[in-house]
N, C-alpha and C. Protein backbone atom coordinates (compact mmCIF):
# COMPACT_ATOMS: atom_id res chain seq x y z
N UNK A 1 28.45 7.44 -18.88
CA UNK A 1 27.16 6.87 -18.27
C UNK A 1 26.34 8.37 -18.60
N UNK A 2 24.94 7.59 -18.40
CA UNK A 2 24.10 8.92 -18.39
C UNK A 2 24.41 10.09 -17.11
N UNK A 3 23.89 11.33 -17.26
CA UNK A 3 24.50 12.48 -16.75
C UNK A 3 23.25 11.99 -15.43
N UNK A 4 22.02 11.63 -15.54
CA UNK A 4 21.44 11.51 -14.39
C UNK A 4 21.93 10.27 -13.45
N UNK A 5 22.22 9.18 -14.35
CA UNK A 5 22.85 7.80 -13.35
C UNK A 5 23.85 8.46 -12.69
N UNK A 6 24.66 9.27 -13.50
CA UNK A 6 25.96 9.82 -12.74
C UNK A 6 25.76 10.48 -11.40
N UNK A 7 24.62 11.50 -11.59
CA UNK A 7 24.14 12.46 -10.41
C UNK A 7 23.92 11.33 -9.31
N UNK A 8 23.25 10.15 -9.68
CA UNK A 8 22.88 9.21 -8.36
C UNK A 8 23.93 8.69 -8.11
N UNK A 9 24.45 7.96 -8.71
CA UNK A 9 26.14 6.94 -8.37
C UNK A 9 27.20 7.43 -8.47
N UNK A 10 27.64 8.80 -8.74
CA UNK A 10 28.87 9.00 -8.83
C UNK A 10 28.69 10.78 -8.69
N UNK A 11 27.95 11.07 -7.77
CA UNK A 11 27.66 12.32 -7.64
C UNK A 11 28.99 13.27 -6.86
N UNK A 12 29.79 12.78 -6.22
CA UNK A 12 30.94 13.01 -5.73
C UNK A 12 32.20 13.43 -6.83
N UNK A 13 31.98 12.73 -8.08
CA UNK A 13 32.91 13.10 -9.02
C UNK A 13 32.19 13.76 -10.06
N UNK A 14 31.17 13.92 -9.88
CA UNK A 14 30.31 15.13 -10.95
C UNK A 14 30.09 16.49 -10.34
N UNK A 15 29.78 16.35 -9.17
CA UNK A 15 29.24 17.90 -8.96
C UNK A 15 30.32 18.94 -8.88
N UNK A 16 31.81 18.43 -8.59
CA UNK A 16 32.35 19.57 -8.64
C UNK A 16 32.73 20.60 -10.21
N UNK A 17 32.31 19.42 -11.18
CA UNK A 17 32.60 19.72 -12.63
C UNK A 17 31.25 20.26 -13.20
N UNK A 18 29.74 19.77 -12.75
CA UNK A 18 28.74 20.38 -13.23
C UNK A 18 28.36 21.70 -13.09
N UNK A 19 28.72 22.43 -14.28
CA UNK A 19 28.26 23.88 -14.00
C UNK A 19 29.60 24.55 -13.68
N UNK A 20 30.63 24.25 -13.73
CA UNK A 20 31.74 24.82 -13.67
C UNK A 20 32.52 25.76 -14.79
N UNK A 21 32.07 25.15 -15.75
CA UNK A 21 32.62 25.76 -17.09
C UNK A 21 31.38 26.64 -17.78
N UNK A 22 30.37 25.97 -17.98
CA UNK A 22 29.04 26.64 -18.60
C UNK A 22 28.14 27.12 -17.53
N UNK A 23 28.27 28.24 -17.35
CA UNK A 23 27.35 29.21 -16.17
C UNK A 23 26.05 29.44 -16.68
N UNK A 24 25.23 29.10 -15.73
CA UNK A 24 23.67 29.47 -16.20
C UNK A 24 23.37 30.80 -16.52
N UNK A 25 24.15 31.55 -15.78
CA UNK A 25 23.93 33.34 -16.03
C UNK A 25 24.36 33.89 -17.18
N UNK A 26 24.99 32.84 -18.10
CA UNK A 26 26.00 33.10 -19.40
C UNK A 26 24.99 33.85 -20.24
N UNK A 27 23.46 33.30 -20.49
CA UNK A 27 22.92 33.90 -21.28
C UNK A 27 21.32 33.36 -20.89
N UNK A 28 20.34 34.02 -21.66
CA UNK A 28 19.12 33.31 -21.68
C UNK A 28 18.93 31.74 -21.99
N UNK A 29 19.52 31.58 -23.15
CA UNK A 29 19.54 30.39 -23.82
C UNK A 29 20.09 29.22 -22.65
N UNK A 30 21.30 29.65 -22.24
CA UNK A 30 22.16 28.63 -21.23
C UNK A 30 21.25 28.50 -20.12
N UNK A 31 20.66 29.45 -19.48
CA UNK A 31 19.94 29.31 -18.09
C UNK A 31 18.42 28.30 -18.63
N UNK A 32 17.93 28.59 -19.78
CA UNK A 32 16.66 28.12 -20.13
C UNK A 32 17.66 26.30 -20.06
N UNK A 33 18.35 26.22 -20.96
CA UNK A 33 19.08 24.60 -21.06
C UNK A 33 19.16 24.24 -19.68
N UNK A 34 19.65 24.93 -18.84
CA UNK A 34 19.79 24.34 -17.53
C UNK A 34 18.92 23.98 -16.54
N UNK A 35 17.76 25.19 -16.78
CA UNK A 35 16.28 24.72 -15.93
C UNK A 35 15.63 23.77 -16.71
N UNK A 36 15.83 23.29 -17.93
CA UNK A 36 14.77 22.41 -18.41
C UNK A 36 15.68 20.91 -19.10
N UNK A 37 16.91 20.79 -18.41
CA UNK A 37 17.84 19.55 -18.91
C UNK A 37 17.37 18.38 -18.78
N UNK A 38 17.30 17.92 -20.01
CA UNK A 38 17.05 16.60 -20.23
C UNK A 38 18.09 15.58 -21.10
N UNK A 39 18.68 15.05 -20.02
CA UNK A 39 19.58 13.80 -20.65
C UNK A 39 21.06 14.73 -20.58
N UNK A 40 21.98 13.85 -21.41
CA UNK A 40 23.28 14.25 -21.11
C UNK A 40 24.30 13.26 -20.82
N UNK A 41 25.43 13.15 -20.85
CA UNK A 41 26.40 12.29 -20.49
C UNK A 41 27.61 12.70 -19.59
N UNK A 42 28.23 11.89 -18.76
CA UNK A 42 29.60 12.22 -17.72
C UNK A 42 30.16 11.17 -18.55
N UNK A 43 31.24 11.58 -18.70
CA UNK A 43 32.59 11.04 -19.40
C UNK A 43 34.10 10.94 -18.01
N UNK A 44 34.48 10.18 -17.25
CA UNK A 44 35.36 10.20 -16.52
C UNK A 44 36.26 9.20 -16.79
N UNK A 45 37.55 10.07 -17.20
CA UNK A 45 38.60 9.20 -17.22
C UNK A 45 39.75 9.53 -15.95
N UNK A 46 40.08 8.20 -15.40
CA UNK A 46 41.04 8.49 -14.19
C UNK A 46 42.30 9.03 -14.41
N UNK A 47 43.12 9.71 -13.81
CA UNK A 47 44.46 9.84 -13.64
C UNK A 47 45.18 8.63 -14.39
N UNK A 48 46.05 9.32 -15.43
CA UNK A 48 46.86 8.00 -15.97
C UNK A 48 46.42 6.94 -16.63
N UNK A 49 45.16 7.05 -16.97
CA UNK A 49 44.39 6.10 -17.98
C UNK A 49 43.95 6.43 -19.42
N UNK A 50 44.22 5.42 -20.26
CA UNK A 50 43.75 6.02 -21.68
C UNK A 50 42.87 5.06 -22.28
N UNK A 51 42.01 5.99 -22.62
CA UNK A 51 40.86 4.84 -23.11
C UNK A 51 41.21 4.90 -24.63
N UNK A 52 41.48 3.66 -25.10
CA UNK A 52 42.24 3.28 -26.21
C UNK A 52 41.03 3.04 -27.53
N UNK A 53 39.68 3.24 -27.13
CA UNK A 53 38.49 3.12 -28.10
C UNK A 53 38.10 4.47 -28.14
N UNK A 54 37.68 5.20 -29.16
CA UNK A 54 37.06 6.22 -28.98
C UNK A 54 35.75 6.31 -28.56
N UNK A 55 35.22 7.08 -27.69
CA UNK A 55 34.31 7.40 -26.82
C UNK A 55 32.90 8.45 -27.33
N UNK A 56 32.14 7.56 -27.91
CA UNK A 56 30.94 8.37 -28.70
C UNK A 56 29.66 8.55 -28.15
N UNK A 57 29.62 9.61 -28.29
CA UNK A 57 28.11 10.11 -27.83
C UNK A 57 26.99 10.60 -28.82
N UNK A 58 25.67 10.20 -28.83
CA UNK A 58 25.17 10.31 -29.70
C UNK A 58 23.69 10.91 -29.21
N UNK A 59 23.22 12.01 -29.98
CA UNK A 59 21.85 12.81 -29.34
C UNK A 59 20.95 12.90 -30.64
N UNK A 60 20.00 12.35 -30.63
CA UNK A 60 18.98 12.10 -31.55
C UNK A 60 17.37 12.90 -31.33
N UNK A 61 17.16 14.10 -31.90
CA UNK A 61 15.80 14.78 -31.79
C UNK A 61 14.94 14.01 -32.80
N UNK A 62 13.91 13.24 -32.56
CA UNK A 62 13.06 12.41 -33.31
C UNK A 62 11.60 13.33 -33.45
N UNK A 63 11.67 14.37 -34.83
CA UNK A 63 10.23 15.08 -34.99
C UNK A 63 10.31 16.25 -34.35
N UNK A 64 8.87 16.96 -35.00
CA UNK A 64 9.02 18.36 -34.64
C UNK A 64 8.33 18.49 -33.12
N UNK A 65 8.41 19.54 -32.93
CA UNK A 65 7.72 20.00 -31.31
C UNK A 65 8.43 19.31 -30.00
N UNK A 66 9.94 19.10 -30.41
CA UNK A 66 10.75 18.56 -29.56
C UNK A 66 11.80 19.75 -28.70
N UNK A 67 11.97 19.61 -27.56
CA UNK A 67 12.96 20.56 -26.89
C UNK A 67 13.77 19.43 -26.08
N UNK A 68 15.34 19.55 -26.65
CA UNK A 68 16.16 18.73 -25.90
C UNK A 68 17.16 19.86 -25.45
N UNK A 69 17.80 19.41 -24.23
CA UNK A 69 18.38 20.29 -23.20
C UNK A 69 19.35 19.61 -22.72
N UNK A 70 20.25 18.88 -23.41
CA UNK A 70 21.48 17.89 -22.75
C UNK A 70 22.59 18.73 -22.43
N UNK A 71 23.36 18.21 -20.99
CA UNK A 71 24.47 18.67 -20.78
C UNK A 71 25.44 17.85 -20.44
N UNK A 72 26.61 17.73 -21.30
CA UNK A 72 27.67 16.82 -21.12
C UNK A 72 28.87 17.17 -20.29
N UNK A 73 29.48 16.58 -19.41
CA UNK A 73 30.18 16.86 -18.59
C UNK A 73 31.67 15.48 -18.63
N UNK A 74 32.90 16.16 -19.28
CA UNK A 74 34.08 15.33 -19.87
C UNK A 74 35.30 15.69 -18.94
N UNK A 75 35.64 14.81 -17.98
CA UNK A 75 36.81 15.04 -17.39
C UNK A 75 37.83 14.22 -17.17
N UNK A 76 39.02 14.66 -17.81
CA UNK A 76 40.21 13.61 -17.90
C UNK A 76 40.81 14.23 -16.81
N UNK A 77 41.38 12.76 -15.87
CA UNK A 77 42.47 13.17 -14.83
C UNK A 77 43.76 13.56 -15.60
N UNK A 78 44.75 13.60 -14.57
CA UNK A 78 46.26 13.93 -14.62
C UNK A 78 46.82 12.73 -15.91
N UNK A 79 47.54 13.00 -17.10
CA UNK A 79 48.18 12.25 -17.60
C UNK A 79 47.03 11.41 -18.24
N UNK A 80 45.80 11.43 -18.33
CA UNK A 80 44.90 10.61 -19.35
C UNK A 80 44.80 11.16 -20.32
N UNK A 81 44.09 10.06 -21.22
CA UNK A 81 43.90 10.42 -22.92
C UNK A 81 42.67 9.59 -23.41
N UNK A 82 42.06 10.28 -24.00
CA UNK A 82 40.59 10.21 -24.91
C UNK A 82 40.36 10.82 -25.90
N UNK A 83 39.58 9.95 -26.69
CA UNK A 83 39.14 10.76 -27.93
C UNK A 83 37.33 10.59 -27.58
N UNK A 84 36.74 11.94 -27.73
CA UNK A 84 35.41 11.78 -27.76
C UNK A 84 34.50 12.39 -29.01
N UNK A 85 33.93 11.70 -29.40
CA UNK A 85 33.07 12.07 -30.83
C UNK A 85 31.77 12.26 -30.38
N UNK A 86 30.81 13.59 -30.33
CA UNK A 86 29.81 13.68 -29.99
C UNK A 86 28.44 14.18 -31.34
N UNK A 87 27.98 13.08 -31.67
CA UNK A 87 26.95 13.20 -32.87
C UNK A 87 25.94 13.84 -32.40
N UNK A 88 25.29 14.99 -32.78
CA UNK A 88 23.91 15.37 -32.85
C UNK A 88 23.11 15.50 -34.13
N UNK A 89 22.14 14.82 -34.18
CA UNK A 89 21.28 14.45 -35.34
C UNK A 89 19.72 15.01 -35.34
N UNK A 90 18.66 15.15 -35.98
CA UNK A 90 17.38 15.21 -35.77
C UNK A 90 16.91 14.81 -37.19
N UNK A 91 15.60 14.38 -36.91
CA UNK A 91 14.75 13.92 -38.42
C UNK A 91 14.14 15.44 -38.87
N UNK A 92 13.69 15.42 -40.22
CA UNK A 92 13.33 16.65 -40.71
C UNK A 92 11.51 16.74 -40.13
N UNK A 93 11.22 17.86 -39.68
CA UNK A 93 9.85 17.68 -39.31
C UNK A 93 9.13 18.69 -39.72
N UNK A 94 7.48 18.45 -39.62
CA UNK A 94 6.82 19.77 -40.02
C UNK A 94 6.68 20.93 -39.52
N UNK A 95 7.13 20.81 -38.30
CA UNK A 95 7.30 22.01 -36.96
C UNK A 95 8.87 22.38 -36.32
N UNK A 96 8.69 23.07 -35.74
CA UNK A 96 10.26 23.09 -35.15
C UNK A 96 10.34 22.45 -33.82
N UNK A 97 11.61 22.16 -33.62
CA UNK A 97 12.23 21.38 -32.57
C UNK A 97 13.43 22.43 -32.14
N UNK A 98 13.88 22.20 -31.01
CA UNK A 98 14.89 23.21 -30.40
C UNK A 98 15.99 22.38 -29.69
N UNK A 99 17.35 22.37 -29.96
CA UNK A 99 18.14 21.77 -29.19
C UNK A 99 19.06 22.70 -28.26
N UNK A 100 18.93 22.67 -26.90
CA UNK A 100 19.76 23.77 -26.03
C UNK A 100 20.86 22.73 -25.58
N UNK A 101 22.06 22.93 -25.85
CA UNK A 101 23.23 21.86 -25.27
C UNK A 101 24.26 22.55 -24.93
N UNK A 102 25.01 21.76 -24.14
CA UNK A 102 26.28 22.30 -23.31
C UNK A 102 27.14 21.27 -23.22
N UNK A 103 28.47 21.62 -23.19
CA UNK A 103 29.73 20.34 -22.81
C UNK A 103 30.68 21.16 -22.13
N UNK A 104 30.95 20.66 -20.91
CA UNK A 104 32.06 21.01 -20.10
C UNK A 104 32.86 20.41 -20.06
N UNK A 105 34.49 20.61 -20.31
CA UNK A 105 35.36 19.52 -20.32
C UNK A 105 36.51 20.07 -19.23
N UNK A 106 36.89 19.40 -18.44
CA UNK A 106 38.19 19.71 -17.55
C UNK A 106 39.23 18.59 -18.25
N UNK A 107 40.45 18.94 -18.23
CA UNK A 107 41.59 18.35 -18.67
C UNK A 107 42.20 18.54 -18.03
N UNK A 108 43.10 17.21 -17.41
CA UNK A 108 44.35 17.89 -15.89
C UNK A 108 45.61 17.61 -16.54
N UNK A 109 46.44 18.13 -15.70
CA UNK A 109 47.77 18.38 -16.29
C UNK A 109 48.24 16.97 -17.11
N UNK A 110 48.97 17.40 -18.14
CA UNK A 110 49.59 16.47 -19.05
C UNK A 110 48.63 15.34 -19.66
N UNK A 111 47.43 15.57 -19.76
CA UNK A 111 46.47 14.69 -20.18
C UNK A 111 46.12 15.44 -21.72
N UNK A 112 45.53 14.42 -22.53
CA UNK A 112 44.96 14.98 -23.74
C UNK A 112 43.65 14.36 -24.21
N UNK A 113 43.08 15.43 -24.60
CA UNK A 113 41.49 15.13 -25.32
C UNK A 113 41.60 15.26 -26.54
N UNK A 114 40.98 14.50 -27.42
CA UNK A 114 40.59 14.81 -28.67
C UNK A 114 39.24 14.92 -28.72
N UNK A 115 38.64 16.04 -29.11
CA UNK A 115 37.03 15.85 -28.94
C UNK A 115 36.43 16.59 -30.47
N UNK A 116 35.41 16.04 -30.93
CA UNK A 116 34.96 16.77 -32.05
C UNK A 116 33.55 16.44 -31.96
N UNK A 117 32.55 17.32 -32.71
CA UNK A 117 31.39 17.53 -32.79
C UNK A 117 30.60 17.50 -34.37
N UNK A 118 29.79 16.28 -34.50
CA UNK A 118 29.53 16.35 -35.69
C UNK A 118 27.99 16.66 -35.82
N UNK A 119 27.32 17.59 -36.41
CA UNK A 119 25.77 18.08 -36.32
C UNK A 119 25.39 17.67 -37.77
N UNK A 120 24.33 17.00 -37.70
CA UNK A 120 23.42 16.91 -38.86
C UNK A 120 21.67 17.25 -38.49
N UNK A 121 21.54 18.47 -38.29
CA UNK A 121 20.28 18.68 -37.95
C UNK A 121 19.27 18.91 -39.08
N UNK A 122 17.95 18.56 -38.71
CA UNK A 122 16.97 18.74 -39.41
C UNK A 122 16.82 20.19 -39.93
N UNK A 123 15.83 20.37 -41.16
CA UNK A 123 15.78 21.85 -41.72
C UNK A 123 15.18 22.47 -40.32
N UNK A 124 14.08 21.91 -39.79
CA UNK A 124 13.42 22.60 -38.57
C UNK A 124 13.98 22.77 -37.39
N UNK A 125 15.25 21.94 -37.27
CA UNK A 125 15.74 22.13 -35.90
C UNK A 125 16.56 23.14 -35.71
N UNK A 126 16.28 23.98 -34.73
CA UNK A 126 17.25 24.84 -34.22
C UNK A 126 18.06 24.69 -33.20
N UNK A 127 19.37 25.08 -33.20
CA UNK A 127 20.42 24.61 -32.41
C UNK A 127 21.17 25.60 -31.53
N UNK A 128 21.33 25.86 -30.51
CA UNK A 128 22.28 26.47 -29.70
C UNK A 128 22.98 25.90 -28.49
N UNK A 129 24.09 26.22 -28.58
CA UNK A 129 25.12 25.16 -27.58
C UNK A 129 26.33 26.18 -27.01
N UNK A 130 26.76 25.35 -25.94
CA UNK A 130 28.05 26.24 -25.26
C UNK A 130 29.09 25.33 -25.08
N UNK A 131 30.26 25.08 -25.41
CA UNK A 131 31.01 24.29 -25.12
C UNK A 131 32.39 25.15 -24.55
N UNK A 132 32.78 24.91 -23.47
CA UNK A 132 33.78 25.55 -22.60
C UNK A 132 34.85 24.17 -22.06
N UNK A 133 35.88 24.61 -21.71
CA UNK A 133 37.05 23.79 -21.33
C UNK A 133 37.77 24.45 -20.39
N UNK A 134 38.47 23.67 -19.16
CA UNK A 134 39.58 23.96 -18.50
C UNK A 134 40.46 23.17 -18.73
N UNK A 135 41.73 23.62 -19.15
CA UNK A 135 42.81 22.77 -19.47
C UNK A 135 43.92 23.02 -18.61
N UNK A 136 44.46 21.90 -18.03
CA UNK A 136 45.50 21.98 -17.12
C UNK A 136 46.98 21.89 -18.00
N UNK A 137 48.20 21.97 -17.32
CA UNK A 137 49.68 22.35 -17.76
C UNK A 137 49.84 21.27 -18.73
N UNK A 138 50.81 21.39 -19.89
CA UNK A 138 50.94 20.21 -20.67
C UNK A 138 52.38 19.83 -20.33
N UNK A 139 52.82 18.54 -20.51
CA UNK A 139 54.50 18.50 -20.18
C UNK A 139 55.24 19.00 -21.18
N UNK A 140 56.50 19.33 -20.76
CA UNK A 140 57.20 19.78 -21.83
C UNK A 140 58.07 18.89 -22.54
N UNK A 141 58.31 18.88 -23.83
CA UNK A 141 58.98 17.93 -24.71
C UNK A 141 59.90 18.72 -25.70
N UNK A 142 60.97 17.82 -26.00
CA UNK A 142 62.08 18.48 -27.20
C UNK A 142 61.17 18.62 -28.36
N UNK A 143 60.17 17.63 -28.79
CA UNK A 143 59.63 17.42 -30.16
C UNK A 143 58.56 18.36 -29.98
N UNK A 144 57.85 19.15 -29.03
CA UNK A 144 56.74 20.00 -29.42
C UNK A 144 56.80 21.00 -30.29
N UNK A 145 56.11 21.24 -30.97
CA UNK A 145 56.18 22.57 -31.94
C UNK A 145 55.04 23.75 -31.38
N UNK A 146 55.38 24.82 -31.20
CA UNK A 146 54.57 25.76 -30.56
C UNK A 146 53.81 26.74 -31.62
């Protein structure tokens, strides 16, 4: 769901993770993105649940003179599984646009996340983003390769 809706309806689940991995004091672009945040999503997969269908996140900048500053928070509980694909796109414009993004991920013990980002920014769109993850312990297995 949208990050704004999650803050209103599921703040108890979101608050411990929002800002835990992408710190606003990392650099000036991250601080600016946090101060001007517009949009973003919250993905929550509870302990032991497998999201069988990939979760698709879509961000679009339509035209010049736009600032988008989205933040995504993805949390997988213990033993949970999910695939998340984030698409970031923009139109070509006559003027500049800026995307200041951030994705924070927490993967619980024994959980598995497949995460990918596809970017197709227009010629005049500048992009800066941070992706950070905290990953729990993985279970041992005889068939695992190191």
